[in-house]
Amino acid sequence: MTTNENNASRDSRDDRFDRGMEMLTKVVGEGGQRVVDSLADISPEMGHQIVAWGFGEIYSRPGLPPRDRQLVTLGMLTALGGCEPQLEVHIRAALNVGLTPVEISEALLHSVAYCGMPKALNATAVAKKVFDELGLLPVA
């Protein structure tokens, strides 16, 4: 690999990371940086990929606005189950990009039919925790 090819690869990697950090901050706020920081001593490359690929490549695509991406993400994390820490981050992100507590609660209620009662209840418990911390309870 020539020096120019190496620089182009590094620039591309850096560009994706920079674009990803911008989107991560827009969507998730401080919580995104905390996730990346929590990986620094065990898997800094995973932190890099979350930012560069997840947010620099996927979240930055023009096909869906961040609000819609978050709604889809809440549904998928609920369906997967066992993703409560990530669900907490994404419920906060959903609020950051314009979803209301009522809309989030309704989406989680809707998930009962497709994900089952236990997964929907677990996701709703996470939402309740986040809403309570942010002074957004009760949700009408």
N, C-alpha and C. Protein backbone atom coordinates (compact mmCIF):
# COMPACT_ATOMS: atom_id res chain seq x y z
N MET A 1 0.86 -1.18 0.00
CA MET A 1 0.00 0.00 0.00
C MET A 1 0.90 1.24 0.00
N THR A 2 0.63 2.17 -0.88
CA THR A 2 1.42 3.39 -0.93
C THR A 2 1.00 4.32 0.20
N THR A 3 1.82 5.33 0.43
CA THR A 3 1.51 6.31 1.47
C THR A 3 0.18 7.01 1.17
N ASN A 4 -0.06 7.35 -0.10
CA ASN A 4 -1.32 8.01 -0.46
C ASN A 4 -2.51 7.10 -0.21
N GLU A 5 -2.38 5.79 -0.57
CA GLU A 5 -3.48 4.87 -0.31
C GLU A 5 -3.72 4.73 1.19
N ASN A 6 -2.64 4.67 1.96
CA ASN A 6 -2.76 4.57 3.41
C ASN A 6 -3.44 5.81 3.98
N ASN A 7 -3.05 6.98 3.51
CA ASN A 7 -3.68 8.22 3.98
C ASN A 7 -5.15 8.27 3.58
N ALA A 8 -5.47 7.82 2.35
CA ALA A 8 -6.86 7.82 1.91
C ALA A 8 -7.70 6.91 2.80
N SER A 9 -7.17 5.74 3.15
CA SER A 9 -7.90 4.82 4.03
C SER A 9 -8.09 5.44 5.40
N ARG A 10 -7.04 6.05 5.92
CA ARG A 10 -7.13 6.66 7.25
C ARG A 10 -8.11 7.83 7.21
N ASP A 11 -8.02 8.66 6.17
CA ASP A 11 -8.95 9.78 6.06
C ASP A 11 -10.39 9.28 5.98
N SER A 12 -10.62 8.25 5.20
CA SER A 12 -11.96 7.70 5.08
C SER A 12 -12.45 7.20 6.43
N ARG A 13 -11.58 6.51 7.15
CA ARG A 13 -11.92 6.02 8.48
C ARG A 13 -12.19 7.20 9.41
N ASP A 14 -11.34 8.20 9.35
CA ASP A 14 -11.52 9.40 10.17
C ASP A 14 -12.78 10.16 9.78
N ASP A 15 -13.04 10.26 8.48
CA ASP A 15 -14.25 10.96 8.01
C ASP A 15 -15.51 10.27 8.53
N ARG A 16 -15.54 8.93 8.44
CA ARG A 16 -16.70 8.18 8.94
C ARG A 16 -16.86 8.38 10.44
N PHE A 17 -15.75 8.38 11.16
CA PHE A 17 -15.81 8.58 12.60
C PHE A 17 -16.32 9.97 12.93
N ASP A 18 -15.80 10.99 12.25
CA ASP A 18 -16.23 12.37 12.50
C ASP A 18 -17.72 12.55 12.19
N ARG A 19 -18.15 12.01 11.05
CA ARG A 19 -19.57 12.08 10.68
C ARG A 19 -20.41 11.33 11.72
N GLY A 20 -19.90 10.19 12.16
CA GLY A 20 -20.60 9.40 13.17
C GLY A 20 -20.70 10.11 14.51
N MET A 21 -19.64 10.78 14.95
CA MET A 21 -19.68 11.52 16.22
C MET A 21 -20.69 12.65 16.15
N GLU A 22 -20.75 13.30 15.01
CA GLU A 22 -21.73 14.38 14.84
C GLU A 22 -23.15 13.84 14.96
N MET A 23 -23.42 12.71 14.29
CA MET A 23 -24.76 12.12 14.35
C MET A 23 -25.04 11.53 15.73
N LEU A 24 -24.06 10.87 16.32
CA LEU A 24 -24.23 10.29 17.66
C LEU A 24 -24.61 11.38 18.65
N THR A 25 -23.92 12.50 18.60
CA THR A 25 -24.20 13.60 19.51
C THR A 25 -25.59 14.17 19.25
N LYS A 26 -25.97 14.29 17.99
CA LYS A 26 -27.30 14.82 17.63
C LYS A 26 -28.40 13.89 18.14
N VAL A 27 -28.21 12.60 17.97
CA VAL A 27 -29.26 11.64 18.30
C VAL A 27 -29.25 11.26 19.77
N VAL A 28 -28.10 10.90 20.29
CA VAL A 28 -28.02 10.32 21.63
C VAL A 28 -27.61 11.33 22.69
N GLY A 29 -26.90 12.37 22.31
CA GLY A 29 -26.41 13.32 23.29
C GLY A 29 -25.23 12.75 24.05
N GLU A 30 -25.09 13.12 25.32
CA GLU A 30 -23.95 12.70 26.14
C GLU A 30 -23.88 11.19 26.31
N GLY A 31 -25.01 10.53 26.31
CA GLY A 31 -25.04 9.08 26.52
C GLY A 31 -24.22 8.32 25.50
N GLY A 32 -24.18 8.80 24.29
CA GLY A 32 -23.39 8.14 23.25
C GLY A 32 -21.91 8.14 23.55
N GLN A 33 -21.40 9.26 23.98
CA GLN A 33 -19.99 9.34 24.32
C GLN A 33 -19.68 8.44 25.52
N ARG A 34 -20.62 8.34 26.46
CA ARG A 34 -20.40 7.46 27.62
C ARG A 34 -20.29 6.00 27.18
N VAL A 35 -21.09 5.60 26.20
CA VAL A 35 -20.99 4.23 25.69
C VAL A 35 -19.62 4.00 25.07
N VAL A 36 -19.18 4.92 24.24
CA VAL A 36 -17.87 4.81 23.60
C VAL A 36 -16.77 4.78 24.67
N ASP A 37 -16.86 5.67 25.64
CA ASP A 37 -15.85 5.71 26.71
C ASP A 37 -15.83 4.42 27.51
N SER A 38 -16.98 3.80 27.71
CA SER A 38 -17.04 2.57 28.51
C SER A 38 -16.33 1.41 27.83
N LEU A 39 -16.07 1.53 26.54
CA LEU A 39 -15.40 0.48 25.79
C LEU A 39 -13.90 0.71 25.64
N ALA A 40 -13.42 1.87 26.06
CA ALA A 40 -12.03 2.27 25.80
C ALA A 40 -11.01 1.29 26.35
N ASP A 41 -11.26 0.70 27.50
CA ASP A 41 -10.25 -0.18 28.10
C ASP A 41 -10.45 -1.66 27.77
N ILE A 42 -11.53 -2.00 27.08
CA ILE A 42 -11.77 -3.39 26.72
C ILE A 42 -11.81 -3.59 25.21
N SER A 43 -12.43 -2.67 24.48
CA SER A 43 -12.54 -2.81 23.03
C SER A 43 -12.74 -1.45 22.37
N PRO A 44 -11.66 -0.66 22.31
CA PRO A 44 -11.80 0.66 21.68
C PRO A 44 -12.24 0.55 20.22
N GLU A 45 -11.90 -0.55 19.56
CA GLU A 45 -12.33 -0.71 18.17
C GLU A 45 -13.85 -0.86 18.08
N MET A 46 -14.47 -1.51 19.06
CA MET A 46 -15.92 -1.61 19.06
C MET A 46 -16.53 -0.21 19.20
N GLY A 47 -15.96 0.60 20.09
CA GLY A 47 -16.43 1.97 20.23
C GLY A 47 -16.30 2.73 18.92
N HIS A 48 -15.17 2.54 18.26
CA HIS A 48 -14.95 3.20 16.97
C HIS A 48 -16.02 2.76 15.97
N GLN A 49 -16.29 1.46 15.90
CA GLN A 49 -17.25 0.94 14.93
C GLN A 49 -18.67 1.40 15.22
N ILE A 50 -19.03 1.48 16.50
CA ILE A 50 -20.35 2.01 16.84
C ILE A 50 -20.51 3.41 16.26
N VAL A 51 -19.46 4.21 16.42
CA VAL A 51 -19.51 5.59 15.93
C VAL A 51 -19.41 5.64 14.41
N ALA A 52 -18.32 5.06 13.87
CA ALA A 52 -18.04 5.19 12.43
C ALA A 52 -19.04 4.45 11.56
N TRP A 53 -19.36 3.23 11.92
CA TRP A 53 -20.27 2.45 11.10
C TRP A 53 -21.73 2.70 11.49
N GLY A 54 -22.03 2.50 12.77
CA GLY A 54 -23.41 2.63 13.22
C GLY A 54 -24.00 4.00 12.99
N PHE A 55 -23.23 5.02 13.32
CA PHE A 55 -23.77 6.38 13.20
C PHE A 55 -23.22 7.12 11.98
N GLY A 56 -21.97 6.85 11.60
CA GLY A 56 -21.39 7.51 10.43
C GLY A 56 -21.90 6.96 9.11
N GLU A 57 -22.24 5.67 9.09
CA GLU A 57 -22.74 5.04 7.87
C GLU A 57 -24.25 4.81 7.90
N ILE A 58 -24.75 4.20 8.96
CA ILE A 58 -26.17 3.80 8.98
C ILE A 58 -27.09 4.96 9.38
N TYR A 59 -26.88 5.52 10.55
CA TYR A 59 -27.77 6.60 11.01
C TYR A 59 -27.67 7.82 10.12
N SER A 60 -26.57 8.01 9.43
CA SER A 60 -26.38 9.20 8.58
C SER A 60 -27.01 9.05 7.20
N ARG A 61 -27.54 7.89 6.88
CA ARG A 61 -28.18 7.70 5.57
C ARG A 61 -29.41 8.60 5.46
N PRO A 62 -29.73 9.06 4.27
CA PRO A 62 -30.84 10.00 4.10
C PRO A 62 -32.24 9.36 4.04
N GLY A 63 -32.35 8.05 3.97
CA GLY A 63 -33.63 7.40 3.73
C GLY A 63 -34.67 7.51 4.84
N LEU A 64 -34.23 7.67 6.08
CA LEU A 64 -35.14 7.83 7.22
C LEU A 64 -34.61 8.93 8.13
N PRO A 65 -35.48 9.77 8.63
CA PRO A 65 -35.01 10.77 9.60
C PRO A 65 -34.69 10.09 10.93
N PRO A 66 -33.85 10.72 11.76
CA PRO A 66 -33.47 10.13 13.05
C PRO A 66 -34.67 9.72 13.91
N ARG A 67 -35.73 10.49 13.89
CA ARG A 67 -36.93 10.17 14.68
C ARG A 67 -37.48 8.79 14.29
N ASP A 68 -37.58 8.54 12.99
CA ASP A 68 -38.09 7.26 12.51
C ASP A 68 -37.11 6.13 12.81
N ARG A 69 -35.82 6.41 12.66
CA ARG A 69 -34.82 5.39 12.97
C ARG A 69 -34.92 4.98 14.44
N GLN A 70 -35.15 5.93 15.31
CA GLN A 70 -35.27 5.60 16.73
C GLN A 70 -36.52 4.78 17.01
N LEU A 71 -37.61 5.08 16.36
CA LEU A 71 -38.83 4.30 16.55
C LEU A 71 -38.60 2.85 16.12
N VAL A 72 -37.94 2.66 14.98
CA VAL A 72 -37.62 1.31 14.52
C VAL A 72 -36.68 0.64 15.52
N THR A 73 -35.69 1.36 16.01
CA THR A 73 -34.72 0.80 16.95
C THR A 73 -35.41 0.34 18.24
N LEU A 74 -36.35 1.14 18.74
CA LEU A 74 -37.07 0.74 19.95
C LEU A 74 -37.81 -0.58 19.71
N GLY A 75 -38.44 -0.72 18.57
CA GLY A 75 -39.15 -1.96 18.25
C GLY A 75 -38.22 -3.15 18.17
N MET A 76 -37.08 -2.95 17.53
CA MET A 76 -36.14 -4.07 17.38
C MET A 76 -35.50 -4.47 18.71
N LEU A 77 -35.12 -3.51 19.52
CA LEU A 77 -34.54 -3.84 20.81
C LEU A 77 -35.56 -4.52 21.71
N THR A 78 -36.81 -4.09 21.63
CA THR A 78 -37.87 -4.75 22.38
C THR A 78 -38.03 -6.19 21.90
N ALA A 79 -38.05 -6.39 20.59
CA ALA A 79 -38.22 -7.73 20.04
C ALA A 79 -37.06 -8.65 20.42
N LEU A 80 -35.87 -8.12 20.43
CA LEU A 80 -34.71 -8.94 20.80
C LEU A 80 -34.77 -9.38 22.25
N GLY A 81 -35.19 -8.47 23.12
CA GLY A 81 -35.18 -8.76 24.55
C GLY A 81 -33.74 -8.84 25.05
N GLY A 82 -33.56 -8.65 26.34
CA GLY A 82 -32.22 -8.73 26.91
C GLY A 82 -31.33 -7.56 26.55
N CYS A 83 -31.88 -6.51 26.00
CA CYS A 83 -31.11 -5.35 25.54
C CYS A 83 -31.46 -4.12 26.35
N GLU A 84 -31.81 -4.30 27.60
CA GLU A 84 -32.31 -3.19 28.39
C GLU A 84 -31.33 -2.02 28.51
N PRO A 85 -30.01 -2.26 28.68
CA PRO A 85 -29.10 -1.09 28.71
C PRO A 85 -29.12 -0.29 27.41
N GLN A 86 -29.16 -0.99 26.28
CA GLN A 86 -29.21 -0.30 24.99
C GLN A 86 -30.58 0.36 24.80
N LEU A 87 -31.62 -0.29 25.26
CA LEU A 87 -32.95 0.28 25.16
C LEU A 87 -33.04 1.59 25.95
N GLU A 88 -32.40 1.63 27.10
CA GLU A 88 -32.40 2.87 27.88
C GLU A 88 -31.74 4.01 27.10
N VAL A 89 -30.60 3.73 26.49
CA VAL A 89 -29.91 4.75 25.68
C VAL A 89 -30.83 5.20 24.54
N HIS A 90 -31.50 4.26 23.89
CA HIS A 90 -32.30 4.60 22.72
C HIS A 90 -33.64 5.23 23.08
N ILE A 91 -34.17 4.97 24.26
CA ILE A 91 -35.36 5.71 24.70
C ILE A 91 -35.00 7.17 24.92
N ARG A 92 -33.85 7.41 25.54
CA ARG A 92 -33.37 8.79 25.70
C ARG A 92 -33.13 9.43 24.33
N ALA A 93 -32.54 8.68 23.42
CA ALA A 93 -32.30 9.20 22.07
C ALA A 93 -33.62 9.50 21.37
N ALA A 94 -34.61 8.64 21.55
CA ALA A 94 -35.92 8.87 20.93
C ALA A 94 -36.51 10.20 21.41
N LEU A 95 -36.38 10.47 22.68
CA LEU A 95 -36.84 11.76 23.21
C LEU A 95 -36.03 12.90 22.60
N ASN A 96 -34.72 12.71 22.45
CA ASN A 96 -33.85 13.75 21.88
C ASN A 96 -34.24 14.12 20.45
N VAL A 97 -34.74 13.13 19.69
CA VAL A 97 -35.04 13.40 18.29
C VAL A 97 -36.52 13.66 18.04
N GLY A 98 -37.29 13.88 19.11
CA GLY A 98 -38.65 14.38 18.94
C GLY A 98 -39.79 13.44 19.25
N LEU A 99 -39.52 12.19 19.57
CA LEU A 99 -40.63 11.33 20.01
C LEU A 99 -41.06 11.76 21.40
N THR A 100 -42.35 11.66 21.66
CA THR A 100 -42.88 12.03 22.96
C THR A 100 -42.99 10.78 23.84
N PRO A 101 -43.09 10.96 25.15
CA PRO A 101 -43.32 9.80 26.02
C PRO A 101 -44.58 9.02 25.63
N VAL A 102 -45.63 9.72 25.22
CA VAL A 102 -46.86 9.04 24.80
C VAL A 102 -46.59 8.18 23.56
N GLU A 103 -45.86 8.71 22.58
CA GLU A 103 -45.55 7.94 21.37
C GLU A 103 -44.68 6.73 21.69
N ILE A 104 -43.70 6.92 22.57
CA ILE A 104 -42.84 5.80 22.95
C ILE A 104 -43.66 4.73 23.67
N SER A 105 -44.49 5.14 24.61
CA SER A 105 -45.35 4.19 25.33
C SER A 105 -46.29 3.46 24.38
N GLU A 106 -46.84 4.17 23.42
CA GLU A 106 -47.74 3.55 22.45
C GLU A 106 -46.99 2.55 21.58
N ALA A 107 -45.76 2.87 21.18
CA ALA A 107 -44.96 1.94 20.38
C ALA A 107 -44.68 0.67 21.19
N LEU A 108 -44.39 0.83 22.47
CA LEU A 108 -44.12 -0.34 23.31
C LEU A 108 -45.39 -1.15 23.54
N LEU A 109 -46.52 -0.49 23.68
CA LEU A 109 -47.80 -1.20 23.78
C LEU A 109 -48.06 -1.98 22.48
N HIS A 110 -47.81 -1.35 21.36
CA HIS A 110 -47.99 -2.00 20.05
C HIS A 110 -47.11 -3.26 19.95
N SER A 111 -45.94 -3.24 20.58
CA SER A 111 -45.02 -4.37 20.49
C SER A 111 -45.54 -5.63 21.17
N VAL A 112 -46.54 -5.50 22.05
CA VAL A 112 -47.11 -6.68 22.71
C VAL A 112 -47.57 -7.70 21.67
N ALA A 113 -48.23 -7.23 20.62
CA ALA A 113 -48.79 -8.13 19.62
C ALA A 113 -47.71 -8.86 18.82
N TYR A 114 -46.54 -8.28 18.68
CA TYR A 114 -45.50 -8.86 17.84
C TYR A 114 -44.34 -9.46 18.62
N CYS A 115 -44.11 -8.97 19.84
CA CYS A 115 -42.96 -9.40 20.62
C CYS A 115 -43.34 -10.24 21.83
N GLY A 116 -44.58 -10.13 22.25
CA GLY A 116 -45.04 -10.84 23.44
C GLY A 116 -45.05 -9.93 24.66
N MET A 117 -45.86 -10.34 25.61
CA MET A 117 -46.05 -9.55 26.83
C MET A 117 -44.76 -9.38 27.64
N PRO A 118 -43.96 -10.43 27.89
CA PRO A 118 -42.77 -10.24 28.72
C PRO A 118 -41.79 -9.21 28.14
N LYS A 119 -41.53 -9.28 26.85
CA LYS A 119 -40.58 -8.34 26.24
C LYS A 119 -41.14 -6.92 26.26
N ALA A 120 -42.43 -6.78 25.97
CA ALA A 120 -43.05 -5.45 26.00
C ALA A 120 -43.05 -4.90 27.42
N LEU A 121 -43.30 -5.74 28.40
CA LEU A 121 -43.26 -5.28 29.80
C LEU A 121 -41.86 -4.86 30.21
N ASN A 122 -40.86 -5.63 29.82
CA ASN A 122 -39.47 -5.26 30.15
C ASN A 122 -39.10 -3.92 29.51
N ALA A 123 -39.47 -3.73 28.26
CA ALA A 123 -39.18 -2.47 27.57
C ALA A 123 -39.92 -1.31 28.22
N THR A 124 -41.16 -1.54 28.62
CA THR A 124 -41.95 -0.50 29.26
C THR A 124 -41.36 -0.13 30.62
N ALA A 125 -40.82 -1.11 31.33
CA ALA A 125 -40.16 -0.83 32.61
C ALA A 125 -38.94 0.07 32.41
N VAL A 126 -38.21 -0.15 31.34
CA VAL A 126 -37.06 0.71 31.03
C VAL A 126 -37.54 2.12 30.71
N ALA A 127 -38.60 2.22 29.90
CA ALA A 127 -39.15 3.54 29.57
C ALA A 127 -39.61 4.25 30.84
N LYS A 128 -40.27 3.54 31.73
CA LYS A 128 -40.73 4.14 32.97
C LYS A 128 -39.56 4.69 33.78
N LYS A 129 -38.48 3.93 33.85
CA LYS A 129 -37.27 4.37 34.57
C LYS A 129 -36.74 5.67 33.96
N VAL A 130 -36.62 5.70 32.64
CA VAL A 130 -36.11 6.90 31.96
C VAL A 130 -37.05 8.08 32.17
N PHE A 131 -38.34 7.86 31.96
CA PHE A 131 -39.31 8.95 32.11
C PHE A 131 -39.31 9.48 33.54
N ASP A 132 -39.21 8.58 34.51
CA ASP A 132 -39.17 8.99 35.92
C ASP A 132 -37.94 9.84 36.20
N GLU A 133 -36.78 9.41 35.72
CA GLU A 133 -35.54 10.17 35.91
C GLU A 133 -35.61 11.56 35.28
N LEU A 134 -36.36 11.67 34.19
CA LEU A 134 -36.46 12.95 33.48
C LEU A 134 -37.69 13.77 33.90
N GLY A 135 -38.43 13.28 34.89
CA GLY A 135 -39.63 13.99 35.35
C GLY A 135 -40.75 14.01 34.34
N LEU A 136 -40.87 12.94 33.54
CA LEU A 136 -41.87 12.87 32.48
C LEU A 136 -43.06 11.97 32.83
N LEU A 137 -43.14 11.53 34.08
CA LEU A 137 -44.28 10.73 34.53
C LEU A 137 -45.25 11.62 35.24
N PRO A 138 -46.53 11.36 35.22
CA PRO A 138 -47.16 10.25 34.49
C PRO A 138 -47.30 10.56 33.00
N VAL A 139 -47.31 9.48 32.22
CA VAL A 139 -47.55 9.59 30.78
C VAL A 139 -49.05 9.39 30.57
N ALA A 140 -49.69 10.33 29.94
CA ALA A 140 -51.16 10.24 29.76
C ALA A 140 -51.51 9.40 28.56
